[in-house]
Amino acid sequence: MRQQPEQQAPPVQRLRVRYAKRGRLRFTSHRDFSRAFERAVFRARIPMAYSSGFNPHPRISYAGAAPTGSASEAEYLELALAQVVVPRDVHAMLDEALPPGLDVLEVVESSGGSLSDLLEGSRWRIAVDADPATATEAVSRFLAAGEALVERMTKKGMREFDARGAVVSLVVLDGDEAAAGRTTLDVVLRHGTPAVRPDDVLRGLANVAGLAAGEAPLMTRLAQGPLLDSGEVGDPLAPRA
């Protein structure tokens, strides 16, 4: 008779972590990051809770990971722990164990519920190789369009979906806020299924208005969280009322 796997004790504490992907580390895939983070947790000796089964693994829940190649100041995950710890101590230990460019920004105790459910939208800055007048005209045409159909390969094969429908706001920033030699777009996206990404918005701008973004547009996620009535993106780690 096959031996039953050991059942692990339930977590006694959950921590939510906000981290950044910067510089060359923006090219780290989600799979590579998860491996690096698990190694960092082990090196930092954080008292993780483990899953039950024949191959226990640390209980880490990832939520809303940015596409490979994009930078981010607002990536989130949740840790399930076997002991109660001080969040700022975990912050310091993770900072020490992770490589520069994968930077822990905030660690707080979970307020309960699903972290993924709080990530309703994202705010992005996209630097494109286009002059401000051309970009402004393209954005106006895109926003006036009823839809902007784009195609992308997904896990379920090639999918066509509407990039325009996910855009809450899209503006061209003034020159003093733009990256040198480029025009910067500020876009707020509503999360859905399939998720519309900033590169999908660029394809929509190309399809609807002929905007050429250049070979390597720089995409940076600035915020991720609940969508507020104002159209802004809130803080998912803020205390819940």
C-alpha atoms as a PDB file:
ATOM      1  CA  MET A   1       0.000   0.000   0.000  1.00  0.00           C
ATOM      2  CA  ARG A   2       1.374   3.398  -1.016  1.00  0.00           C
ATOM      3  CA  GLN A   3       2.284   5.618   1.911  1.00  0.00           C
ATOM      4  CA  GLN A   4       0.150   8.734   2.189  1.00  0.00           C
ATOM      5  CA  PRO A   5       1.995  12.077   1.972  1.00  0.00           C
ATOM      6  CA  GLU A   6       2.465  14.091   5.122  1.00  0.00           C
ATOM      7  CA  GLN A   7      -0.181  16.742   5.657  1.00  0.00           C
ATOM      8  CA  GLN A   8       1.293  20.156   6.358  1.00  0.00           C
ATOM      9  CA  ALA A   9      -0.015  22.467   9.069  1.00  0.00           C
ATOM     10  CA  PRO A  10      -2.085  25.427   7.834  1.00  0.00           C
ATOM     11  CA  PRO A  11      -0.378  28.849   7.615  1.00  0.00           C
ATOM     12  CA  VAL A  12      -0.454  31.045  10.704  1.00  0.00           C
ATOM     13  CA  GLN A  13       0.251  34.324   8.870  1.00  0.00           C
ATOM     14  CA  ARG A  14       0.059  35.699   5.340  1.00  0.00           C
ATOM     15  CA  LEU A  15       2.173  38.563   4.039  1.00  0.00           C
ATOM     16  CA  ARG A  16       1.657  40.560   0.857  1.00  0.00           C
ATOM     17  CA  VAL A  17       4.705  41.791  -1.016  1.00  0.00           C
ATOM     18  CA  ARG A  18       5.055  44.554  -3.598  1.00  0.00           C
ATOM     19  CA  TYR A  19       8.204  44.333  -5.678  1.00  0.00           C
ATOM     20  CA  ALA A  20       9.756  45.951  -8.756  1.00  0.00           C
ATOM     21  CA  LYS A  21      11.394  44.632 -11.922  1.00  0.00           C
ATOM     22  CA  ARG A  22      13.954  47.179 -13.087  1.00  0.00           C
ATOM     23  CA  GLY A  23      16.698  47.532 -15.663  1.00  0.00           C
ATOM     24  CA  ARG A  24      17.789  44.346 -17.391  1.00  0.00           C
ATOM     25  CA  LEU A  25      15.738  42.292 -14.926  1.00  0.00           C
ATOM     26  CA  ARG A  26      12.606  43.325 -16.847  1.00  0.00           C
ATOM     27  CA  PHE A  27      13.542  40.544 -19.292  1.00  0.00           C
ATOM     28  CA  THR A  28      13.125  37.953 -16.531  1.00  0.00           C
ATOM     29  CA  SER A  29      10.222  35.634 -17.301  1.00  0.00           C
ATOM     30  CA  HIS A  30       7.666  34.884 -14.617  1.00  0.00           C
ATOM     31  CA  ARG A  31       8.970  31.321 -14.362  1.00  0.00           C
ATOM     32  CA  ASP A  32      12.549  32.540 -13.886  1.00  0.00           C
ATOM     33  CA  PHE A  33      11.419  35.068 -11.295  1.00  0.00           C
ATOM     34  CA  SER A  34       9.473  32.485  -9.308  1.00  0.00           C
ATOM     35  CA  ARG A  35      12.549  30.254  -9.181  1.00  0.00           C
ATOM     36  CA  ALA A  36      14.759  33.150  -8.101  1.00  0.00           C
ATOM     37  CA  PHE A  37      12.255  34.194  -5.458  1.00  0.00           C
ATOM     38  CA  GLU A  38      11.955  30.695  -4.004  1.00  0.00           C
ATOM     39  CA  ARG A  39      15.753  30.535  -3.753  1.00  0.00           C
ATOM     40  CA  ALA A  40      15.758  33.941  -2.035  1.00  0.00           C
ATOM     41  CA  VAL A  41      13.127  32.781   0.468  1.00  0.00           C
ATOM     42  CA  PHE A  42      15.282  29.741   1.248  1.00  0.00           C
ATOM     43  CA  ARG A  43      18.489  31.810   1.651  1.00  0.00           C
ATOM     44  CA  ALA A  44      16.694  34.320   3.862  1.00  0.00           C
ATOM     45  CA  ARG A  45      15.422  31.491   6.106  1.00  0.00           C
ATOM     46  CA  ILE A  46      11.882  32.839   6.058  1.00  0.00           C
ATOM     47  CA  PRO A  47       9.619  30.348   7.919  1.00  0.00           C
ATOM     48  CA  MET A  48       7.415  29.399   4.976  1.00  0.00           C
ATOM     49  CA  ALA A  49       4.348  27.200   5.142  1.00  0.00           C
ATOM     50  CA  TYR A  50       4.518  24.323   2.664  1.00  0.00           C
ATOM     51  CA  SER A  51       1.946  22.575   0.526  1.00  0.00           C
ATOM     52  CA  SER A  52       0.915  19.025   1.332  1.00  0.00           C
ATOM     53  CA  GLY A  53       1.639  16.158  -1.040  1.00  0.00           C
ATOM     54  CA  PHE A  54       4.642  14.107  -2.156  1.00  0.00           C
ATOM     55  CA  ASN A  55       6.516  17.196  -3.401  1.00  0.00           C
ATOM     56  CA  PRO A  56       5.904  20.006  -0.887  1.00  0.00           C
ATOM     57  CA  HIS A  57       6.750  23.492  -2.074  1.00  0.00           C
ATOM     58  CA  PRO A  58       6.646  26.878  -0.338  1.00  0.00           C
ATOM     59  CA  ARG A  59       3.223  28.475  -0.449  1.00  0.00           C
ATOM     60  CA  ILE A  60       3.730  31.552  -2.598  1.00  0.00           C
ATOM     61  CA  SER A  61       0.826  33.019  -4.574  1.00  0.00           C
ATOM     62  CA  TYR A  62       1.720  35.228  -7.535  1.00  0.00           C
ATOM     63  CA  ALA A  63      -0.804  37.736  -8.874  1.00  0.00           C
ATOM     64  CA  GLY A  64      -0.959  39.804 -12.047  1.00  0.00           C
ATOM     65  CA  ALA A  65       2.597  39.318 -13.314  1.00  0.00           C
ATOM     66  CA  ALA A  66       3.766  41.821 -15.944  1.00  0.00           C
ATOM     67  CA  PRO A  67       4.700  40.549 -19.425  1.00  0.00           C
ATOM     68  CA  THR A  68       8.332  39.587 -19.994  1.00  0.00           C
ATOM     69  CA  GLY A  69      10.298  42.576 -21.279  1.00  0.00           C
ATOM     70  CA  SER A  70       8.308  45.212 -19.399  1.00  0.00           C
ATOM     71  CA  ALA A  71       9.554  46.979 -16.297  1.00  0.00           C
ATOM     72  CA  SER A  72       7.294  47.327 -13.279  1.00  0.00           C
ATOM     73  CA  GLU A  73       7.036  49.159  -9.986  1.00  0.00           C
ATOM     74  CA  ALA A  74       3.900  47.254  -8.971  1.00  0.00           C
ATOM     75  CA  GLU A  75       4.254  43.462  -8.930  1.00  0.00           C
ATOM     76  CA  TYR A  76       2.558  41.521  -6.133  1.00  0.00           C
ATOM     77  CA  LEU A  77       2.706  38.164  -4.393  1.00  0.00           C
ATOM     78  CA  GLU A  78       1.542  36.627  -1.120  1.00  0.00           C
ATOM     79  CA  LEU A  79       3.546  34.474   1.295  1.00  0.00           C
ATOM     80  CA  ALA A  80       1.974  31.904   3.626  1.00  0.00           C
ATOM     81  CA  LEU A  81       4.079  31.462   6.763  1.00  0.00           C
ATOM     82  CA  ALA A  82       4.459  28.779   9.407  1.00  0.00           C
ATOM     83  CA  GLN A  83       5.433  31.313  12.085  1.00  0.00           C
ATOM     84  CA  VAL A  84       4.357  34.863  12.871  1.00  0.00           C
ATOM     85  CA  VAL A  85       7.030  37.350  11.802  1.00  0.00           C
ATOM     86  CA  VAL A  86       7.486  41.123  11.639  1.00  0.00           C
ATOM     87  CA  PRO A  87       6.823  42.303   8.054  1.00  0.00           C
ATOM     88  CA  ARG A  88       9.687  44.807   8.043  1.00  0.00           C
ATOM     89  CA  ASP A  89      12.103  42.015   9.002  1.00  0.00           C
ATOM     90  CA  VAL A  90      10.946  39.954   6.004  1.00  0.00           C
ATOM     91  CA  HIS A  91      11.357  43.054   3.819  1.00  0.00           C
ATOM     92  CA  ALA A  92      14.983  43.411   4.918  1.00  0.00           C
ATOM     93  CA  MET A  93      15.742  39.697   4.502  1.00  0.00           C
ATOM     94  CA  LEU A  94      14.296  39.544   0.999  1.00  0.00           C
ATOM     95  CA  ASP A  95      16.125  42.717  -0.023  1.00  0.00           C
ATOM     96  CA  GLU A  96      19.380  41.095   1.041  1.00  0.00           C
ATOM     97  CA  ALA A  97      18.667  37.821  -0.796  1.00  0.00           C
ATOM     98  CA  LEU A  98      17.327  39.118  -4.139  1.00  0.00           C
ATOM     99  CA  PRO A  99      19.560  40.476  -6.938  1.00  0.00           C
ATOM    100  CA  PRO A 100      19.562  44.209  -7.747  1.00  0.00           C
ATOM    101  CA  GLY A 101      16.739  44.924 -10.171  1.00  0.00           C
ATOM    102  CA  LEU A 102      14.321  42.631  -8.351  1.00  0.00           C
ATOM    103  CA  ASP A 103      13.588  45.009  -5.503  1.00  0.00           C
ATOM    104  CA  VAL A 104      11.144  44.569  -2.638  1.00  0.00           C
ATOM    105  CA  LEU A 105       9.230  47.809  -2.088  1.00  0.00           C
ATOM    106  CA  GLU A 106       6.669  46.938   0.584  1.00  0.00           C
ATOM    107  CA  VAL A 107       5.691  44.035   2.851  1.00  0.00           C
ATOM    108  CA  VAL A 108       2.440  44.118   4.829  1.00  0.00           C
ATOM    109  CA  GLU A 109       0.243  41.647   6.651  1.00  0.00           C
ATOM    110  CA  SER A 110      -2.643  40.358   4.561  1.00  0.00           C
ATOM    111  CA  SER A 111      -6.031  41.887   5.293  1.00  0.00           C
ATOM    112  CA  GLY A 112      -7.783  38.742   4.048  1.00  0.00           C
ATOM    113  CA  GLY A 113      -9.626  37.871   0.894  1.00  0.00           C
ATOM    114  CA  SER A 114      -8.075  37.316  -2.502  1.00  0.00           C
ATOM    115  CA  LEU A 115      -5.139  39.465  -3.578  1.00  0.00           C
ATOM    116  CA  SER A 116      -5.871  38.721  -7.250  1.00  0.00           C
ATOM    117  CA  ASP A 117      -9.414  40.075  -6.887  1.00  0.00           C
ATOM    118  CA  LEU A 118      -7.995  43.450  -5.816  1.00  0.00           C
ATOM    119  CA  LEU A 119      -5.915  43.795  -8.994  1.00  0.00           C
ATOM    120  CA  GLU A 120      -8.637  45.204 -11.238  1.00  0.00           C
ATOM    121  CA  GLY A 121      -6.464  47.492 -13.351  1.00  0.00           C
ATOM    122  CA  SER A 122      -2.973  48.734 -14.141  1.00  0.00           C
ATOM    123  CA  ARG A 123      -1.373  52.062 -14.995  1.00  0.00           C
ATOM    124  CA  TRP A 124       1.419  52.042 -17.553  1.00  0.00           C
ATOM    125  CA  ARG A 125       3.905  54.453 -19.094  1.00  0.00           C
ATOM    126  CA  ILE A 126       4.912  53.540 -22.654  1.00  0.00           C
ATOM    127  CA  ALA A 127       7.781  55.354 -24.398  1.00  0.00           C
ATOM    128  CA  VAL A 128       7.423  55.173 -28.197  1.00  0.00           C
ATOM    129  CA  ASP A 129       9.498  56.408 -31.140  1.00  0.00           C
ATOM    130  CA  ALA A 130       6.977  58.935 -32.425  1.00  0.00           C
ATOM    131  CA  ASP A 131       6.732  62.715 -32.264  1.00  0.00           C
ATOM    132  CA  PRO A 132       4.105  64.187 -29.910  1.00  0.00           C
ATOM    133  CA  ALA A 133       1.850  65.501 -32.688  1.00  0.00           C
ATOM    134  CA  THR A 134       1.695  62.119 -34.431  1.00  0.00           C
ATOM    135  CA  ALA A 135       1.107  60.306 -31.152  1.00  0.00           C
ATOM    136  CA  THR A 136      -1.628  62.734 -30.093  1.00  0.00           C
ATOM    137  CA  GLU A 137      -3.478  62.300 -33.399  1.00  0.00           C
ATOM    138  CA  ALA A 138      -3.205  58.507 -33.137  1.00  0.00           C
ATOM    139  CA  VAL A 139      -4.495  58.487 -29.558  1.00  0.00           C
ATOM    140  CA  SER A 140      -7.483  60.647 -30.546  1.00  0.00           C
ATOM    141  CA  ARG A 141      -8.386  58.265 -33.360  1.00  0.00           C
ATOM    142  CA  PHE A 142      -7.952  55.228 -31.116  1.00  0.00           C
ATOM    143  CA  LEU A 143     -10.179  56.647 -28.357  1.00  0.00           C
ATOM    144  CA  ALA A 144     -12.849  57.609 -30.902  1.00  0.00           C
ATOM    145  CA  ALA A 145     -12.924  54.099 -32.359  1.00  0.00           C
ATOM    146  CA  GLY A 146     -15.681  51.717 -31.332  1.00  0.00           C
ATOM    147  CA  GLU A 147     -13.162  48.893 -31.101  1.00  0.00           C
ATOM    148  CA  ALA A 148      -9.557  48.079 -31.911  1.00  0.00           C
ATOM    149  CA  LEU A 149      -9.207  44.399 -32.758  1.00  0.00           C
ATOM    150  CA  VAL A 150      -5.788  42.819 -32.265  1.00  0.00           C
ATOM    151  CA  GLU A 151      -4.428  39.284 -32.380  1.00  0.00           C
ATOM    152  CA  ARG A 152      -2.012  37.600 -29.979  1.00  0.00           C
ATOM    153  CA  MET A 153      -0.880  34.054 -29.390  1.00  0.00           C
ATOM    154  CA  THR A 154      -2.136  32.784 -26.007  1.00  0.00           C
ATOM    155  CA  LYS A 155      -1.991  29.442 -24.230  1.00  0.00           C
ATOM    156  CA  LYS A 156      -5.215  28.595 -26.044  1.00  0.00           C
ATOM    157  CA  GLY A 157      -3.845  29.539 -29.451  1.00  0.00           C
ATOM    158  CA  MET A 158      -4.229  32.683 -31.529  1.00  0.00           C
ATOM    159  CA  ARG A 159      -6.916  34.944 -30.070  1.00  0.00           C
ATOM    160  CA  GLU A 160      -8.548  38.090 -31.419  1.00  0.00           C
ATOM    161  CA  PHE A 161      -9.824  40.617 -28.910  1.00  0.00           C
ATOM    162  CA  ASP A 162     -10.687  44.286 -28.498  1.00  0.00           C
ATOM    163  CA  ALA A 163      -7.808  46.368 -27.124  1.00  0.00           C
ATOM    164  CA  ARG A 164      -9.942  49.544 -27.048  1.00  0.00           C
ATOM    165  CA  GLY A 165     -12.500  48.088 -24.630  1.00  0.00           C
ATOM    166  CA  ALA A 166      -9.911  47.629 -21.870  1.00  0.00           C
ATOM    167  CA  VAL A 167      -8.572  51.194 -22.026  1.00  0.00           C
ATOM    168  CA  VAL A 168      -9.915  53.350 -19.184  1.00  0.00           C
ATOM    169  CA  SER A 169      -7.742  56.340 -20.139  1.00  0.00           C
ATOM    170  CA  LEU A 170      -4.955  57.064 -22.634  1.00  0.00           C
ATOM    171  CA  VAL A 171      -3.075  60.366 -22.884  1.00  0.00           C
ATOM    172  CA  VAL A 172       0.130  61.733 -24.381  1.00  0.00           C
ATOM    173  CA  LEU A 173       2.306  63.263 -21.688  1.00  0.00           C
ATOM    174  CA  ASP A 174       3.794  66.742 -22.009  1.00  0.00           C
ATOM    175  CA  GLY A 175       7.367  66.994 -23.248  1.00  0.00           C
ATOM    176  CA  ASP A 176       8.896  67.688 -19.842  1.00  0.00           C
ATOM    177  CA  GLU A 177       7.537  64.340 -18.603  1.00  0.00           C
ATOM    178  CA  ALA A 178       8.511  62.335 -21.661  1.00  0.00           C
ATOM    179  CA  ALA A 179      11.599  60.168 -22.001  1.00  0.00           C
ATOM    180  CA  ALA A 180      14.412  61.881 -23.907  1.00  0.00           C
ATOM    181  CA  GLY A 181      13.927  61.610 -27.651  1.00  0.00           C
ATOM    182  CA  ARG A 182      10.630  59.765 -27.339  1.00  0.00           C
ATOM    183  CA  THR A 183       6.958  60.409 -26.685  1.00  0.00           C
ATOM    184  CA  THR A 184       5.452  58.887 -23.566  1.00  0.00           C
ATOM    185  CA  LEU A 185       1.913  57.537 -23.327  1.00  0.00           C
ATOM    186  CA  ASP A 186       0.077  57.141 -20.023  1.00  0.00           C
ATOM    187  CA  VAL A 187      -2.549  54.397 -20.106  1.00  0.00           C
ATOM    188  CA  VAL A 188      -4.857  52.842 -17.522  1.00  0.00           C
ATOM    189  CA  LEU A 189      -6.039  49.343 -18.439  1.00  0.00           C
ATOM    190  CA  ARG A 190      -8.936  47.389 -17.001  1.00  0.00           C
ATOM    191  CA  HIS A 191      -7.994  43.754 -16.331  1.00  0.00           C
ATOM    192  CA  GLY A 192     -10.123  41.120 -18.002  1.00  0.00           C
ATOM    193  CA  THR A 193      -9.999  37.776 -19.821  1.00  0.00           C
ATOM    194  CA  PRO A 194      -8.018  37.639 -21.975  1.00  0.00           C
ATOM    195  CA  ALA A 195      -5.914  40.343 -20.324  1.00  0.00           C
ATOM    196  CA  VAL A 196      -5.125  43.316 -22.576  1.00  0.00           C
ATOM    197  CA  ARG A 197      -1.433  44.229 -22.287  1.00  0.00           C
ATOM    198  CA  PRO A 198       0.293  47.507 -23.179  1.00  0.00           C
ATOM    199  CA  ASP A 199       1.780  45.936 -26.323  1.00  0.00           C
ATOM    200  CA  ASP A 200      -1.786  45.084 -27.382  1.00  0.00           C
ATOM    201  CA  VAL A 201      -2.661  48.780 -27.048  1.00  0.00           C
ATOM    202  CA  LEU A 202       0.299  49.624 -29.291  1.00  0.00           C
ATOM    203  CA  ARG A 203      -0.933  47.120 -31.884  1.00  0.00           C
ATOM    204  CA  GLY A 204      -4.384  48.691 -31.609  1.00  0.00           C
ATOM    205  CA  LEU A 205      -2.893  52.138 -32.183  1.00  0.00           C
ATOM    206  CA  ALA A 206      -1.070  50.786 -35.238  1.00  0.00           C
ATOM    207  CA  ASN A 207      -4.180  49.077 -36.633  1.00  0.00           C
ATOM    208  CA  VAL A 208      -6.580  51.966 -36.034  1.00  0.00           C
ATOM    209  CA  ALA A 209      -4.320  54.983 -36.531  1.00  0.00           C
ATOM    210  CA  GLY A 210      -1.097  53.725 -38.144  1.00  0.00           C
ATOM    211  CA  LEU A 211       1.114  54.681 -35.181  1.00  0.00           C
ATOM    212  CA  ALA A 212       4.609  53.168 -35.474  1.00  0.00           C
ATOM    213  CA  ALA A 213       5.912  52.674 -31.930  1.00  0.00           C
ATOM    214  CA  GLY A 214       9.453  51.693 -32.939  1.00  0.00           C
ATOM    215  CA  GLU A 215      11.382  48.471 -32.449  1.00  0.00           C
ATOM    216  CA  ALA A 216      11.726  48.587 -28.662  1.00  0.00           C
ATOM    217  CA  PRO A 217       9.047  50.646 -26.887  1.00  0.00           C
ATOM    218  CA  LEU A 218       9.786  50.834 -23.165  1.00  0.00           C
ATOM    219  CA  MET A 219       6.786  49.740 -21.101  1.00  0.00           C
ATOM    220  CA  THR A 220       6.700  50.338 -17.337  1.00  0.00           C
ATOM    221  CA  ARG A 221       3.863  49.458 -14.994  1.00  0.00           C
ATOM    222  CA  LEU A 222       3.529  52.174 -12.354  1.00  0.00           C
ATOM    223  CA  ALA A 223       0.526  50.889 -10.406  1.00  0.00           C
ATOM    224  CA  GLN A 224      -1.741  47.879 -10.124  1.00  0.00           C
ATOM    225  CA  GLY A 225      -4.797  47.562  -7.915  1.00  0.00           C
ATOM    226  CA  PRO A 226      -8.499  48.322  -7.572  1.00  0.00           C
ATOM    227  CA  LEU A 227     -10.039  50.637 -10.175  1.00  0.00           C
ATOM    228  CA  LEU A 228     -11.465  53.706  -8.458  1.00  0.00           C
ATOM    229  CA  ASP A 229     -14.524  55.669  -9.591  1.00  0.00           C
ATOM    230  CA  SER A 230     -12.132  58.460 -10.640  1.00  0.00           C
ATOM    231  CA  GLY A 231     -10.477  56.142 -13.164  1.00  0.00           C
ATOM    232  CA  GLU A 232      -7.288  55.979 -11.116  1.00  0.00           C
ATOM    233  CA  VAL A 233      -5.679  52.784  -9.842  1.00  0.00           C
ATOM    234  CA  GLY A 234      -5.788  52.324  -6.059  1.00  0.00           C
ATOM    235  CA  ASP A 235      -3.378  50.655  -3.641  1.00  0.00           C
ATOM    236  CA  PRO A 236      -4.163  46.948  -3.067  1.00  0.00           C
ATOM    237  CA  LEU A 237      -2.086  46.920   0.120  1.00  0.00           C
ATOM    238  CA  ALA A 238      -3.949  49.791   1.772  1.00  0.00           C
ATOM    239  CA  PRO A 239      -5.999  48.866   4.854  1.00  0.00           C
ATOM    240  CA  ARG A 240      -9.505  47.795   3.882  1.00  0.00           C
ATOM    241  CA  ALA A 241     -12.454  49.704   5.328  1.00  0.00           C
END
